[in-house]
Amino acid sequence: MTQRIEQINTPLSPNEFQEFAQHEAIVKEGLQTFYDIGEALLTIRDKRLYRAEFNSFEEYCQEKWGFVRRQADRLIQAFEVTENLRPVGLTVPHNEAQARPLAKLEPEKQRQAWQKAVEMSPDGKPTSKQVKQAVNAIIKQEESQETVELPQYTPSTPTKKEATNLSINAQFHAKLMWNYQRMGLQNYQHFTMGYAQRTWEQVSELLRLANVSVLVDIRRNAISSDFAFNKESLSTNCAELGITYLQLPELGIDSEESKGIKTVPTDKVLYDSYIDSLGNKGIISIIERNVPLHHARVVFMDIAVSPIDTLRNRIALALEEIHLQIFDL
């Protein structure tokens, strides 16, 4: 049996303790604007100022303030939206309900949607319904543009002779790309994938189609017999696509972990033993400390093509507990 890994609550420095107290006072007051509360929660989350007493931001919100993580995320997003609107001199939202729909859009699109909503309102103070209408109009416009752009990612339809010469691997990849384009991936926030039996060209096509901006390598040792998937190559190749490469070995399985397992060390036994020792809260805590979940579209990558009984599947299940939509590519 492996030993259960306990969360270690690291103490705050005097400066951190003072900063934590200041931000907590804002949240506790409850009479401040959504902007102030969102800013305070953002600082507490990103600097992990809750860590002396709580294992995760989700646990902190629930036990300290009695609201779920999703509510905290909405307040933080509303603050970020408002911050985005201020520099360009726009009138800012007066409440969280006005700002909430804008969080679906990229910063530049947020400004466009808000300006449209302000123009729709006779007094320049749009309702949340008017903001939603403006946001939906922007999204519809984007989807229309995406429909035009999609063919660049679509493999050309091979002739009968060409299809005969295509490998099974290439045919399967072309089918996946075709299906993913039809279903659309914009409704998913983050992704998982395995690279085995795939070329880097195939992987890069999937990353572009999903509009991924951060690739998180969850292997303990980022070494592969396929040179393209070694750490150095991945980092270089991702940079060429404008994607940030991160390795997160804390989520990989150390060889020492397998020594304590007395049964046949199948993938399922290894993953269940190791991840059960962390628990979903432990997984989320590690990810939140290292990955910009709330500012980027992220893919978590390991080896196996099938997600069944894999580490990335356990990660996906943990992230879905905090209401993030995950899709395996």
C-alpha atoms as a PDB file:
ATOM      1  CA  MET A   1       0.000   0.000   0.000  1.00  0.00           C
ATOM      2  CA  THR A   2       1.205   3.501  -0.705  1.00  0.00           C
ATOM      3  CA  GLN A   3       1.164   6.075   2.010  1.00  0.00           C
ATOM      4  CA  ARG A   4      -1.533   8.675   1.801  1.00  0.00           C
ATOM      5  CA  ILE A   5      -0.133  12.029   0.759  1.00  0.00           C
ATOM      6  CA  GLU A   6      -1.261  14.739   3.180  1.00  0.00           C
ATOM      7  CA  GLN A   7      -1.640  18.377   2.190  1.00  0.00           C
ATOM      8  CA  ILE A   8       0.947  20.503   3.976  1.00  0.00           C
ATOM      9  CA  ASN A   9      -0.362  23.915   4.998  1.00  0.00           C
ATOM     10  CA  THR A  10       2.558  26.286   4.619  1.00  0.00           C
ATOM     11  CA  PRO A  11       2.565  29.317   6.918  1.00  0.00           C
ATOM     12  CA  LEU A  12       2.079  32.843   5.619  1.00  0.00           C
ATOM     13  CA  SER A  13       4.805  35.441   5.872  1.00  0.00           C
ATOM     14  CA  PRO A  14       3.993  38.557   7.957  1.00  0.00           C
ATOM     15  CA  ASN A  15       3.363  40.553   4.775  1.00  0.00           C
ATOM     16  CA  GLU A  16       1.136  37.824   3.346  1.00  0.00           C
ATOM     17  CA  PHE A  17      -0.797  37.585   6.608  1.00  0.00           C
ATOM     18  CA  GLN A  18      -1.453  41.336   6.557  1.00  0.00           C
ATOM     19  CA  GLU A  19      -2.471  41.223   2.894  1.00  0.00           C
ATOM     20  CA  PHE A  20      -4.773  38.264   3.558  1.00  0.00           C
ATOM     21  CA  ALA A  21      -6.452  40.109   6.442  1.00  0.00           C
ATOM     22  CA  GLN A  22      -7.037  43.187   4.294  1.00  0.00           C
ATOM     23  CA  HIS A  23      -8.655  41.247   1.467  1.00  0.00           C
ATOM     24  CA  GLU A  24     -10.727  39.106   3.820  1.00  0.00           C
ATOM     25  CA  ALA A  25     -12.070  42.266   5.464  1.00  0.00           C
ATOM     26  CA  ILE A  26     -13.405  43.419   2.106  1.00  0.00           C
ATOM     27  CA  VAL A  27     -15.204  40.128   1.485  1.00  0.00           C
ATOM     28  CA  LYS A  28     -16.533  40.001   5.052  1.00  0.00           C
ATOM     29  CA  GLU A  29     -17.949  43.516   4.841  1.00  0.00           C
ATOM     30  CA  GLY A  30     -20.362  42.281   2.200  1.00  0.00           C
ATOM     31  CA  LEU A  31     -21.421  45.847   1.477  1.00  0.00           C
ATOM     32  CA  GLN A  32     -18.631  46.619  -0.941  1.00  0.00           C
ATOM     33  CA  THR A  33     -19.220  46.582  -4.666  1.00  0.00           C
ATOM     34  CA  PHE A  34     -18.869  43.387  -6.670  1.00  0.00           C
ATOM     35  CA  TYR A  35     -15.691  44.974  -8.067  1.00  0.00           C
ATOM     36  CA  ASP A  36     -13.981  45.172  -4.672  1.00  0.00           C
ATOM     37  CA  ILE A  37     -15.044  41.677  -3.635  1.00  0.00           C
ATOM     38  CA  GLY A  38     -13.935  40.217  -6.971  1.00  0.00           C
ATOM     39  CA  GLU A  39     -10.537  41.891  -6.700  1.00  0.00           C
ATOM     40  CA  ALA A  40     -10.086  40.627  -3.130  1.00  0.00           C
ATOM     41  CA  LEU A  41     -11.026  37.041  -4.040  1.00  0.00           C
ATOM     42  CA  LEU A  42      -8.732  37.128  -7.078  1.00  0.00           C
ATOM     43  CA  THR A  43      -5.756  38.101  -4.939  1.00  0.00           C
ATOM     44  CA  ILE A  44      -6.581  35.492  -2.296  1.00  0.00           C
ATOM     45  CA  ARG A  45      -6.902  32.801  -4.985  1.00  0.00           C
ATOM     46  CA  ASP A  46      -3.874  33.634  -7.128  1.00  0.00           C
ATOM     47  CA  LYS A  47      -1.506  34.170  -4.192  1.00  0.00           C
ATOM     48  CA  ARG A  48      -3.003  31.199  -2.317  1.00  0.00           C
ATOM     49  CA  LEU A  49      -3.387  33.323   0.804  1.00  0.00           C
ATOM     50  CA  TYR A  50      -5.877  30.766   2.104  1.00  0.00           C
ATOM     51  CA  ARG A  51      -3.244  28.019   2.302  1.00  0.00           C
ATOM     52  CA  ALA A  52      -2.458  28.304   6.029  1.00  0.00           C
ATOM     53  CA  GLU A  53      -5.926  26.960   6.891  1.00  0.00           C
ATOM     54  CA  PHE A  54      -7.360  25.440   3.714  1.00  0.00           C
ATOM     55  CA  ASN A  55      -6.152  22.991   1.061  1.00  0.00           C
ATOM     56  CA  SER A  56      -7.853  24.656  -1.909  1.00  0.00           C
ATOM     57  CA  PHE A  57      -9.598  27.856  -2.919  1.00  0.00           C
ATOM     58  CA  GLU A  58     -12.828  25.885  -3.351  1.00  0.00           C
ATOM     59  CA  GLU A  59     -12.619  24.637   0.247  1.00  0.00           C
ATOM     60  CA  TYR A  60     -11.846  28.161   1.469  1.00  0.00           C
ATOM     61  CA  CYS A  61     -14.910  29.659  -0.265  1.00  0.00           C
ATOM     62  CA  GLN A  62     -17.237  26.933   0.967  1.00  0.00           C
ATOM     63  CA  GLU A  63     -16.088  26.738   4.586  1.00  0.00           C
ATOM     64  CA  LYS A  64     -15.171  30.380   5.175  1.00  0.00           C
ATOM     65  CA  TRP A  65     -17.932  32.183   3.303  1.00  0.00           C
ATOM     66  CA  GLY A  66     -20.554  29.541   2.608  1.00  0.00           C
ATOM     67  CA  PHE A  67     -20.670  29.942  -1.155  1.00  0.00           C
ATOM     68  CA  VAL A  68     -19.558  27.585  -3.912  1.00  0.00           C
ATOM     69  CA  ARG A  69     -16.471  28.053  -6.062  1.00  0.00           C
ATOM     70  CA  ARG A  70     -18.578  28.963  -9.081  1.00  0.00           C
ATOM     71  CA  GLN A  71     -19.989  32.009  -7.296  1.00  0.00           C
ATOM     72  CA  ALA A  72     -16.487  33.190  -6.417  1.00  0.00           C
ATOM     73  CA  ASP A  73     -15.364  32.677 -10.010  1.00  0.00           C
ATOM     74  CA  ARG A  74     -18.266  34.813 -11.263  1.00  0.00           C
ATOM     75  CA  LEU A  75     -17.273  37.680  -8.963  1.00  0.00           C
ATOM     76  CA  ILE A  76     -13.638  37.401 -10.046  1.00  0.00           C
ATOM     77  CA  GLN A  77     -14.604  37.349 -13.708  1.00  0.00           C
ATOM     78  CA  ALA A  78     -16.833  40.394 -13.204  1.00  0.00           C
ATOM     79  CA  PHE A  79     -13.883  42.256 -11.692  1.00  0.00           C
ATOM     80  CA  GLU A  80     -11.606  41.244 -14.585  1.00  0.00           C
ATOM     81  CA  VAL A  81     -14.208  42.369 -17.118  1.00  0.00           C
ATOM     82  CA  THR A  82     -14.550  45.745 -15.403  1.00  0.00           C
ATOM     83  CA  GLU A  83     -10.765  46.161 -15.309  1.00  0.00           C
ATOM     84  CA  ASN A  84     -10.669  45.454 -19.026  1.00  0.00           C
ATOM     85  CA  LEU A  85     -13.238  48.167 -19.775  1.00  0.00           C
ATOM     86  CA  ARG A  86     -11.693  50.951 -17.661  1.00  0.00           C
ATOM     87  CA  PRO A  87      -8.527  51.724 -19.696  1.00  0.00           C
ATOM     88  CA  VAL A  88     -10.496  52.560 -22.861  1.00  0.00           C
ATOM     89  CA  GLY A  89     -12.698  55.068 -21.041  1.00  0.00           C
ATOM     90  CA  LEU A  90     -15.956  53.143 -21.227  1.00  0.00           C
ATOM     91  CA  THR A  91     -18.681  53.420 -18.611  1.00  0.00           C
ATOM     92  CA  VAL A  92     -18.285  50.294 -16.506  1.00  0.00           C
ATOM     93  CA  PRO A  93     -20.927  47.817 -15.279  1.00  0.00           C
ATOM     94  CA  HIS A  94     -22.680  48.768 -12.051  1.00  0.00           C
ATOM     95  CA  ASN A  95     -23.349  45.222 -10.891  1.00  0.00           C
ATOM     96  CA  GLU A  96     -22.136  41.667 -11.335  1.00  0.00           C
ATOM     97  CA  ALA A  97     -25.191  40.671 -13.406  1.00  0.00           C
ATOM     98  CA  GLN A  98     -24.225  43.224 -16.075  1.00  0.00           C
ATOM     99  CA  ALA A  99     -20.614  42.066 -16.208  1.00  0.00           C
ATOM    100  CA  ARG A 100     -21.234  38.314 -16.068  1.00  0.00           C
ATOM    101  CA  PRO A 101     -22.243  37.704 -19.722  1.00  0.00           C
ATOM    102  CA  LEU A 102     -19.159  39.583 -20.962  1.00  0.00           C
ATOM    103  CA  ALA A 103     -16.840  37.030 -19.328  1.00  0.00           C
ATOM    104  CA  LYS A 104     -17.614  34.626 -22.184  1.00  0.00           C
ATOM    105  CA  LEU A 105     -15.681  36.833 -24.603  1.00  0.00           C
ATOM    106  CA  GLU A 106     -12.050  37.736 -25.194  1.00  0.00           C
ATOM    107  CA  PRO A 107     -11.034  41.187 -23.838  1.00  0.00           C
ATOM    108  CA  GLU A 108     -11.345  43.034 -27.163  1.00  0.00           C
ATOM    109  CA  LYS A 109     -14.729  41.453 -27.850  1.00  0.00           C
ATOM    110  CA  GLN A 110     -15.868  42.359 -24.327  1.00  0.00           C
ATOM    111  CA  ARG A 111     -15.364  46.034 -25.155  1.00  0.00           C
ATOM    112  CA  GLN A 112     -17.270  45.688 -28.411  1.00  0.00           C
ATOM    113  CA  ALA A 113     -20.183  43.899 -26.745  1.00  0.00           C
ATOM    114  CA  TRP A 114     -20.368  46.370 -23.852  1.00  0.00           C
ATOM    115  CA  GLN A 115     -20.321  49.358 -26.221  1.00  0.00           C
ATOM    116  CA  LYS A 116     -23.109  47.730 -28.230  1.00  0.00           C
ATOM    117  CA  ALA A 117     -25.150  47.161 -25.043  1.00  0.00           C
ATOM    118  CA  VAL A 118     -24.646  50.786 -23.927  1.00  0.00           C
ATOM    119  CA  GLU A 119     -25.882  51.988 -27.314  1.00  0.00           C
ATOM    120  CA  MET A 120     -28.960  49.746 -27.006  1.00  0.00           C
ATOM    121  CA  SER A 121     -29.934  51.366 -23.700  1.00  0.00           C
ATOM    122  CA  PRO A 122     -31.771  54.736 -23.817  1.00  0.00           C
ATOM    123  CA  ASP A 123     -30.035  55.991 -20.666  1.00  0.00           C
ATOM    124  CA  GLY A 124     -26.656  54.389 -21.327  1.00  0.00           C
ATOM    125  CA  LYS A 125     -27.162  51.924 -18.481  1.00  0.00           C
ATOM    126  CA  PRO A 126     -27.860  48.555 -20.107  1.00  0.00           C
ATOM    127  CA  THR A 127     -29.730  45.806 -18.324  1.00  0.00           C
ATOM    128  CA  SER A 128     -28.204  42.354 -17.988  1.00  0.00           C
ATOM    129  CA  LYS A 129     -30.634  41.205 -20.699  1.00  0.00           C
ATOM    130  CA  GLN A 130     -29.322  43.827 -23.117  1.00  0.00           C
ATOM    131  CA  VAL A 131     -25.747  42.814 -22.320  1.00  0.00           C
ATOM    132  CA  LYS A 132     -26.604  39.171 -23.048  1.00  0.00           C
ATOM    133  CA  GLN A 133     -28.142  40.186 -26.376  1.00  0.00           C
ATOM    134  CA  ALA A 134     -24.998  42.104 -27.315  1.00  0.00           C
ATOM    135  CA  VAL A 135     -22.753  39.206 -26.269  1.00  0.00           C
ATOM    136  CA  ASN A 136     -24.839  36.702 -28.233  1.00  0.00           C
ATOM    137  CA  ALA A 137     -24.591  38.930 -31.306  1.00  0.00           C
ATOM    138  CA  ILE A 138     -20.783  38.961 -31.025  1.00  0.00           C
ATOM    139  CA  ILE A 139     -20.651  35.178 -30.504  1.00  0.00           C
ATOM    140  CA  LYS A 140     -22.914  34.603 -33.499  1.00  0.00           C
ATOM    141  CA  GLN A 141     -20.654  36.808 -35.598  1.00  0.00           C
ATOM    142  CA  GLU A 142     -17.563  34.890 -34.423  1.00  0.00           C
ATOM    143  CA  GLU A 143     -19.169  31.536 -35.208  1.00  0.00           C
ATOM    144  CA  SER A 144     -20.009  32.773 -38.680  1.00  0.00           C
ATOM    145  CA  GLN A 145     -16.384  33.773 -39.215  1.00  0.00           C
ATOM    146  CA  GLU A 146     -15.135  30.461 -37.789  1.00  0.00           C
ATOM    147  CA  THR A 147     -17.327  28.577 -40.246  1.00  0.00           C
ATOM    148  CA  VAL A 148     -15.503  30.304 -43.081  1.00  0.00           C
ATOM    149  CA  GLU A 149     -12.081  29.590 -41.569  1.00  0.00           C
ATOM    150  CA  LEU A 150     -12.634  25.911 -40.740  1.00  0.00           C
ATOM    151  CA  PRO A 151     -11.687  24.433 -44.136  1.00  0.00           C
ATOM    152  CA  GLN A 152      -8.008  25.311 -43.544  1.00  0.00           C
ATOM    153  CA  TYR A 153      -7.985  22.580 -40.879  1.00  0.00           C
ATOM    154  CA  THR A 154      -9.926  20.076 -42.960  1.00  0.00           C
ATOM    155  CA  PRO A 155      -7.834  17.452 -44.737  1.00  0.00           C
ATOM    156  CA  SER A 156      -8.734  17.416 -48.421  1.00  0.00           C
ATOM    157  CA  THR A 157     -11.027  14.563 -49.365  1.00  0.00           C
ATOM    158  CA  PRO A 158      -8.788  11.884 -50.919  1.00  0.00           C
ATOM    159  CA  THR A 159      -9.598  10.191 -54.180  1.00  0.00           C
ATOM    160  CA  LYS A 160     -10.454   6.501 -54.070  1.00  0.00           C
ATOM    161  CA  LYS A 161      -6.880   5.637 -55.046  1.00  0.00           C
ATOM    162  CA  GLU A 162      -5.413   7.999 -52.445  1.00  0.00           C
ATOM    163  CA  ALA A 163      -7.722   6.643 -49.738  1.00  0.00           C
ATOM    164  CA  THR A 164      -6.504   3.140 -50.460  1.00  0.00           C
ATOM    165  CA  ASN A 165      -2.917   4.259 -49.852  1.00  0.00           C
ATOM    166  CA  LEU A 166      -3.651   6.146 -46.620  1.00  0.00           C
ATOM    167  CA  SER A 167      -2.610   4.388 -43.437  1.00  0.00           C
ATOM    168  CA  ILE A 168      -5.313   3.386 -40.981  1.00  0.00           C
ATOM    169  CA  ASN A 169      -3.839   5.941 -38.586  1.00  0.00           C
ATOM    170  CA  ALA A 170      -4.182   8.779 -41.108  1.00  0.00           C
ATOM    171  CA  GLN A 171      -7.726   7.754 -42.024  1.00  0.00           C
ATOM    172  CA  PHE A 172      -8.744   7.677 -38.365  1.00  0.00           C
ATOM    173  CA  HIS A 173      -7.218  11.119 -37.747  1.00  0.00           C
ATOM    174  CA  ALA A 174      -8.989  12.612 -40.768  1.00  0.00           C
ATOM    175  CA  LYS A 175     -12.281  11.197 -39.495  1.00  0.00           C
ATOM    176  CA  LEU A 176     -11.698  12.688 -36.033  1.00  0.00           C
ATOM    177  CA  MET A 177     -10.928  16.115 -37.475  1.00  0.00           C
ATOM    178  CA  TRP A 178     -14.045  16.024 -39.621  1.00  0.00           C
ATOM    179  CA  ASN A 179     -16.256  15.065 -36.680  1.00  0.00           C
ATOM    180  CA  TYR A 180     -14.720  17.639 -34.312  1.00  0.00           C
ATOM    181  CA  GLN A 181     -15.249  20.404 -36.864  1.00  0.00           C
ATOM    182  CA  ARG A 182     -18.897  19.465 -37.248  1.00  0.00           C
ATOM    183  CA  MET A 183     -19.629  19.315 -33.524  1.00  0.00           C
ATOM    184  CA  GLY A 184     -17.623  22.438 -32.624  1.00  0.00           C
ATOM    185  CA  LEU A 185     -15.324  22.617 -29.614  1.00  0.00           C
ATOM    186  CA  GLN A 186     -16.099  26.161 -28.456  1.00  0.00           C
ATOM    187  CA  ASN A 187     -18.454  24.927 -25.722  1.00  0.00           C
ATOM    188  CA  TYR A 188     -15.575  23.247 -23.893  1.00  0.00           C
ATOM    189  CA  GLN A 189     -13.199  25.228 -21.699  1.00  0.00           C
ATOM    190  CA  HIS A 190     -10.329  22.746 -21.455  1.00  0.00           C
ATOM    191  CA  PHE A 191      -9.160  19.493 -23.037  1.00  0.00           C
ATOM    192  CA  THR A 192      -7.216  16.282 -22.459  1.00  0.00           C
ATOM    193  CA  MET A 193      -5.366  14.176 -25.004  1.00  0.00           C
ATOM    194  CA  GLY A 194      -2.853  11.361 -25.480  1.00  0.00           C
ATOM    195  CA  TYR A 195      -0.141  11.428 -28.144  1.00  0.00           C
ATOM    196  CA  ALA A 196       0.581   7.705 -28.639  1.00  0.00           C
ATOM    197  CA  GLN A 197       0.214   6.544 -32.254  1.00  0.00           C
ATOM    198  CA  ARG A 198      -0.045  10.171 -33.382  1.00  0.00           C
ATOM    199  CA  THR A 199       2.424  12.359 -35.241  1.00  0.00           C
ATOM    200  CA  TRP A 200       3.210  15.868 -34.057  1.00  0.00           C
ATOM    201  CA  GLU A 201       1.475  17.183 -37.190  1.00  0.00           C
ATOM    202  CA  GLN A 202      -1.727  15.399 -36.147  1.00  0.00           C
ATOM    203  CA  VAL A 203      -1.447  16.657 -32.573  1.00  0.00           C
ATOM    204  CA  SER A 204      -0.823  20.225 -33.734  1.00  0.00           C
ATOM    205  CA  GLU A 205      -3.915  20.107 -35.957  1.00  0.00           C
ATOM    206  CA  LEU A 206      -6.021  19.129 -32.954  1.00  0.00           C
ATOM    207  CA  LEU A 207      -4.486  21.866 -30.801  1.00  0.00           C
ATOM    208  CA  ARG A 208      -5.237  24.519 -33.408  1.00  0.00           C
ATOM    209  CA  LEU A 209      -8.773  23.271 -33.932  1.00  0.00           C
ATOM    210  CA  ALA A 210      -9.444  23.449 -30.182  1.00  0.00           C
ATOM    211  CA  ASN A 211      -7.819  26.911 -30.004  1.00  0.00           C
ATOM    212  CA  VAL A 212      -5.550  25.741 -27.178  1.00  0.00           C
ATOM    213  CA  SER A 213      -3.193  28.332 -25.677  1.00  0.00           C
ATOM    214  CA  VAL A 214      -1.491  26.233 -22.958  1.00  0.00           C
ATOM    215  CA  LEU A 215      -0.297  22.601 -23.166  1.00  0.00           C
ATOM    216  CA  VAL A 216       0.293  20.942 -19.787  1.00  0.00           C
ATOM    217  CA  ASP A 217       2.496  17.840 -19.952  1.00  0.00           C
ATOM    218  CA  ILE A 218       1.448  15.637 -17.000  1.00  0.00           C
ATOM    219  CA  ARG A 219       4.115  12.963 -17.466  1.00  0.00           C
ATOM    220  CA  ARG A 220       6.525  12.585 -14.557  1.00  0.00           C
ATOM    221  CA  ASN A 221       9.414  12.256 -17.037  1.00  0.00           C
ATOM    222  CA  ALA A 222       8.854  14.103 -20.308  1.00  0.00           C
ATOM    223  CA  ILE A 223      10.895  11.651 -22.376  1.00  0.00           C
ATOM    224  CA  SER A 224       9.638   9.691 -25.378  1.00  0.00           C
ATOM    225  CA  SER A 225      11.016   7.285 -27.962  1.00  0.00           C
ATOM    226  CA  ASP A 226       9.380   9.663 -30.450  1.00  0.00           C
ATOM    227  CA  PHE A 227      11.715  12.659 -30.362  1.00  0.00           C
ATOM    228  CA  ALA A 228       8.873  15.063 -31.212  1.00  0.00           C
ATOM    229  CA  PHE A 229       7.330  14.399 -27.791  1.00  0.00           C
ATOM    230  CA  ASN A 230      10.417  14.970 -25.660  1.00  0.00           C
ATOM    231  CA  LYS A 231      10.228  18.016 -23.408  1.00  0.00           C
ATOM    232  CA  GLU A 232      12.605  20.182 -25.448  1.00  0.00           C
ATOM    233  CA  SER A 233      10.919  19.379 -28.768  1.00  0.00           C
ATOM    234  CA  LEU A 234       7.439  19.922 -27.373  1.00  0.00           C
ATOM    235  CA  SER A 235       8.435  23.268 -25.910  1.00  0.00           C
ATOM    236  CA  THR A 236       9.882  24.416 -29.243  1.00  0.00           C
ATOM    237  CA  ASN A 237       7.010  23.086 -31.358  1.00  0.00           C
ATOM    238  CA  CYS A 238       4.382  24.595 -29.066  1.00  0.00           C
ATOM    239  CA  ALA A 239       6.118  27.980 -29.184  1.00  0.00           C
ATOM    240  CA  GLU A 240       5.924  27.919 -32.991  1.00  0.00           C
ATOM    241  CA  LEU A 241       2.138  27.537 -32.656  1.00  0.00           C
ATOM    242  CA  GLY A 242       1.901  30.329 -30.091  1.00  0.00           C
ATOM    243  CA  ILE A 243       1.148  27.796 -27.346  1.00  0.00           C
ATOM    244  CA  THR A 244       2.731  27.883 -23.890  1.00  0.00           C
ATOM    245  CA  TYR A 245       4.272  24.555 -22.814  1.00  0.00           C
ATOM    246  CA  LEU A 246       4.203  23.598 -19.130  1.00  0.00           C
ATOM    247  CA  GLN A 247       5.387  20.372 -17.541  1.00  0.00           C
ATOM    248  CA  LEU A 248       3.579  19.425 -14.339  1.00  0.00           C
ATOM    249  CA  PRO A 249       5.504  16.430 -12.940  1.00  0.00           C
ATOM    250  CA  GLU A 250       3.671  16.733  -9.606  1.00  0.00           C
ATOM    251  CA  LEU A 251       0.738  14.943 -11.251  1.00  0.00           C
ATOM    252  CA  GLY A 252       2.824  12.189 -12.827  1.00  0.00           C
ATOM    253  CA  ILE A 253       3.443   8.834 -11.150  1.00  0.00           C
ATOM    254  CA  ASP A 254       6.893   8.419  -9.626  1.00  0.00           C
ATOM    255  CA  SER A 255       8.551   5.017  -9.954  1.00  0.00           C
ATOM    256  CA  GLU A 256       8.728   4.920  -6.147  1.00  0.00           C
ATOM    257  CA  GLU A 257       4.931   4.892  -6.061  1.00  0.00           C
ATOM    258  CA  SER A 258       4.759   1.587  -7.901  1.00  0.00           C
ATOM    259  CA  LYS A 259       7.101  -0.201  -5.467  1.00  0.00           C
ATOM    260  CA  GLY A 260       4.510  -0.305  -2.706  1.00  0.00           C
ATOM    261  CA  ILE A 261       1.825  -1.835  -4.916  1.00  0.00           C
ATOM    262  CA  LYS A 262       1.592  -5.564  -4.250  1.00  0.00           C
ATOM    263  CA  THR A 263      -0.780  -6.461  -7.076  1.00  0.00           C
ATOM    264  CA  VAL A 264       0.038  -6.542 -10.765  1.00  0.00           C
ATOM    265  CA  PRO A 265       0.880  -2.906 -11.565  1.00  0.00           C
ATOM    266  CA  THR A 266      -1.717  -2.298 -14.256  1.00  0.00           C
ATOM    267  CA  ASP A 267      -2.406   1.266 -15.323  1.00  0.00           C
ATOM    268  CA  LYS A 268      -5.635   1.277 -13.342  1.00  0.00           C
ATOM    269  CA  VAL A 269      -3.973   0.105 -10.112  1.00  0.00           C
ATOM    270  CA  LEU A 270      -1.187   2.663 -10.481  1.00  0.00           C
ATOM    271  CA  TYR A 271      -3.451   5.573 -11.259  1.00  0.00           C
ATOM    272  CA  ASP A 272      -6.094   4.715  -8.673  1.00  0.00           C
ATOM    273  CA  SER A 273      -3.528   4.245  -5.900  1.00  0.00           C
ATOM    274  CA  TYR A 274      -1.646   7.425  -6.638  1.00  0.00           C
ATOM    275  CA  ILE A 275      -4.555   9.740  -7.432  1.00  0.00           C
ATOM    276  CA  ASP A 276      -6.694   8.393  -4.596  1.00  0.00           C
ATOM    277  CA  SER A 277      -3.881   9.428  -2.259  1.00  0.00           C
ATOM    278  CA  LEU A 278      -4.171  12.981  -3.571  1.00  0.00           C
ATOM    279  CA  GLY A 279      -7.935  13.160  -3.873  1.00  0.00           C
ATOM    280  CA  ASN A 280      -9.734  15.555  -6.201  1.00  0.00           C
ATOM    281  CA  LYS A 281      -9.002  18.503  -3.924  1.00  0.00           C
ATOM    282  CA  GLY A 282      -5.301  17.696  -4.052  1.00  0.00           C
ATOM    283  CA  ILE A 283      -5.381  17.473  -7.847  1.00  0.00           C
ATOM    284  CA  ILE A 284      -7.203  20.786  -8.146  1.00  0.00           C
ATOM    285  CA  SER A 285      -4.846  22.449  -5.681  1.00  0.00           C
ATOM    286  CA  ILE A 286      -1.765  21.390  -7.685  1.00  0.00           C
ATOM    287  CA  ILE A 287      -3.308  22.557 -10.955  1.00  0.00           C
ATOM    288  CA  GLU A 288      -4.493  25.905  -9.601  1.00  0.00           C
ATOM    289  CA  ARG A 289      -1.008  26.686  -8.303  1.00  0.00           C
ATOM    290  CA  ASN A 290       0.608  26.117 -11.685  1.00  0.00           C
ATOM    291  CA  VAL A 291      -1.906  26.430 -14.528  1.00  0.00           C
ATOM    292  CA  PRO A 292      -3.840  29.551 -15.666  1.00  0.00           C
ATOM    293  CA  LEU A 293      -7.179  27.735 -15.768  1.00  0.00           C
ATOM    294  CA  HIS A 294      -9.224  30.920 -15.701  1.00  0.00           C
ATOM    295  CA  HIS A 295      -7.318  32.820 -18.379  1.00  0.00           C
ATOM    296  CA  ALA A 296      -6.517  30.252 -21.079  1.00  0.00           C
ATOM    297  CA  ARG A 297      -7.755  27.209 -22.983  1.00  0.00           C
ATOM    298  CA  VAL A 298      -5.675  24.345 -21.630  1.00  0.00           C
ATOM    299  CA  VAL A 299      -4.966  20.792 -22.784  1.00  0.00           C
ATOM    300  CA  PHE A 300      -3.604  18.190 -20.339  1.00  0.00           C
ATOM    301  CA  MET A 301      -1.497  15.674 -22.253  1.00  0.00           C
ATOM    302  CA  ASP A 302      -0.229  12.213 -21.383  1.00  0.00           C
ATOM    303  CA  ILE A 303       0.575   9.169 -23.501  1.00  0.00           C
ATOM    304  CA  ALA A 304      -2.287   6.717 -24.131  1.00  0.00           C
ATOM    305  CA  VAL A 305      -4.741   7.569 -26.919  1.00  0.00           C
ATOM    306  CA  SER A 306      -7.695   6.102 -25.013  1.00  0.00           C
ATOM    307  CA  PRO A 307      -8.592   8.097 -21.874  1.00  0.00           C
ATOM    308  CA  ILE A 308      -9.962   5.024 -20.070  1.00  0.00           C
ATOM    309  CA  ASP A 309      -8.186   4.440 -16.739  1.00  0.00           C
ATOM    310  CA  THR A 310      -5.653   7.183 -17.403  1.00  0.00           C
ATOM    311  CA  LEU A 311      -4.288   9.971 -15.270  1.00  0.00           C
ATOM    312  CA  ARG A 312      -5.764  12.631 -17.539  1.00  0.00           C
ATOM    313  CA  ASN A 313      -9.229  11.138 -17.078  1.00  0.00           C
ATOM    314  CA  ARG A 314      -8.916  11.485 -13.302  1.00  0.00           C
ATOM    315  CA  ILE A 315      -7.797  15.083 -13.800  1.00  0.00           C
ATOM    316  CA  ALA A 316     -10.821  15.749 -16.020  1.00  0.00           C
ATOM    317  CA  LEU A 317     -13.197  14.324 -13.408  1.00  0.00           C
ATOM    318  CA  ALA A 318     -11.614  16.514 -10.729  1.00  0.00           C
ATOM    319  CA  LEU A 319     -11.923  19.664 -12.856  1.00  0.00           C
ATOM    320  CA  GLU A 320     -15.535  18.891 -13.669  1.00  0.00           C
ATOM    321  CA  GLU A 321     -16.240  19.049  -9.939  1.00  0.00           C
ATOM    322  CA  ILE A 322     -15.475  22.772 -10.104  1.00  0.00           C
ATOM    323  CA  HIS A 323     -17.814  23.134 -13.095  1.00  0.00           C
ATOM    324  CA  LEU A 324     -15.253  23.205 -15.910  1.00  0.00           C
ATOM    325  CA  GLN A 325     -16.228  21.518 -19.184  1.00  0.00           C
ATOM    326  CA  ILE A 326     -13.549  19.058 -20.365  1.00  0.00           C
ATOM    327  CA  PHE A 327     -13.285  17.224 -23.704  1.00  0.00           C
ATOM    328  CA  ASP A 328     -10.815  14.488 -24.685  1.00  0.00           C
ATOM    329  CA  LEU A 329      -9.311  15.101 -28.128  1.00  0.00           C
END
